[in-house]
């Protein structure tokens, strides 16, 4: 449906479903029960998401498979400014 209809039409179709039937990701209330001020506050709060053990394992797996840049061309190792020895 998204490929065939203009974005304005998809927004008009999806808005009632989102506003009337869905739940807030932050507080869990129905979206229709939010006052405009409560919706304003919930939209500005971080979403309470926790990474599970399975998710952490996936993150570690992808970190090991990541292509790190080649630093063999550097003459000296890079030292952060906060750890540099005074001259």
Protein backbone atom coordinates (compact mmCIF):
# COMPACT_ATOMS: atom_id res chain seq x y z
CA UNK A 1 0.00 0.00 0.00
CA UNK A 2 2.86 2.40 0.81
CA UNK A 3 4.31 1.99 -2.68
CA UNK A 4 1.10 2.88 -4.51
CA UNK A 5 -0.39 5.75 -2.51
CA UNK A 6 1.01 9.24 -1.96
CA UNK A 7 2.46 9.94 1.49
CA UNK A 8 -0.38 12.31 2.39
CA UNK A 9 -2.97 9.60 1.76
CA UNK A 10 -1.02 7.00 3.76
CA UNK A 11 -0.75 9.50 6.63
CA UNK A 12 -4.51 10.10 6.60
CA UNK A 13 -5.13 6.34 6.65
CA UNK A 14 -2.56 5.55 9.37
CA UNK A 15 -3.25 8.49 11.72
CA UNK A 16 -6.54 7.21 13.22
CA UNK A 17 -5.08 3.78 13.81
CA UNK A 18 -2.01 5.27 15.51
CA UNK A 19 -3.85 7.94 17.53
CA UNK A 20 -6.87 5.87 18.58
CA UNK A 21 -5.72 2.26 18.91
CA UNK A 22 -2.01 2.22 19.71
CA UNK A 23 -0.27 2.52 23.06
CA UNK A 24 2.35 5.05 24.13
CA UNK A 25 5.86 3.57 24.13
CA UNK A 26 6.90 5.68 27.11
CA UNK A 27 4.04 5.37 29.61
CA UNK A 28 1.97 2.52 28.11
CA UNK A 29 -1.38 4.37 28.07
CA UNK A 30 -3.66 4.35 25.07
CA UNK A 31 -2.77 7.25 22.78
CA UNK A 32 -6.40 8.41 22.73
CA UNK A 33 -6.21 8.97 26.52
CA UNK A 34 -3.27 11.36 26.21
CA UNK A 35 -4.11 15.01 26.60
CA UNK A 36 -2.13 17.30 24.29
CA UNK A 37 0.16 18.23 27.22
CA UNK A 38 0.76 14.58 28.20
CA UNK A 39 1.54 13.74 24.58
CA UNK A 40 3.95 16.71 24.47
CA UNK A 41 5.74 15.38 27.57
CA UNK A 42 5.86 11.75 26.43
CA UNK A 43 7.27 12.70 23.04
CA UNK A 44 10.23 14.35 24.75
CA UNK A 45 11.11 11.51 27.15
CA UNK A 46 13.49 8.70 26.24
CA UNK A 47 11.88 5.37 25.42
CA UNK A 48 12.47 2.82 28.22
CA UNK A 49 14.23 0.12 26.19
CA UNK A 50 16.45 -2.53 27.74
CA UNK A 51 18.97 -4.64 25.83
CA UNK A 52 18.47 -8.33 26.59
CA UNK A 53 21.23 -10.91 26.89
CA UNK A 54 20.42 -12.13 23.39
CA UNK A 55 20.75 -8.56 22.08
CA UNK A 56 24.10 -8.10 23.80
CA UNK A 57 25.36 -11.32 22.22
CA UNK A 58 24.29 -10.03 18.79
CA UNK A 59 26.05 -6.72 19.43
CA UNK A 60 29.26 -8.49 20.42
CA UNK A 61 29.04 -10.73 17.35
CA UNK A 62 28.61 -7.76 15.00
CA UNK A 63 31.41 -5.86 16.74
CA UNK A 64 33.80 -8.76 16.08
CA UNK A 65 32.76 -8.86 12.42
CA UNK A 66 33.11 -5.08 11.94
CA UNK A 67 35.65 -3.86 9.40
CA UNK A 68 37.99 -1.61 11.33
CA UNK A 69 40.07 0.94 9.41
CA UNK A 70 43.65 0.06 8.57
CA UNK A 71 46.00 1.99 10.86
CA UNK A 72 49.26 0.35 9.80
CA UNK A 73 50.26 3.54 7.94
CA UNK A 74 50.52 5.48 11.20
CA UNK A 75 54.09 6.08 12.36
CA UNK A 76 53.22 6.60 16.03
CA UNK A 77 50.25 5.25 17.95
CA UNK A 78 47.51 7.77 18.45
CA UNK A 79 47.48 9.11 22.02
CA UNK A 80 44.42 11.00 23.28
CA UNK A 81 45.16 14.54 24.44
CA UNK A 82 43.94 13.86 27.96
CA UNK A 83 46.52 11.03 28.35
CA UNK A 84 49.47 12.80 26.74
CA UNK A 85 52.56 13.22 28.89
CA UNK A 86 53.61 16.79 29.62
CA UNK A 87 56.67 17.94 27.68
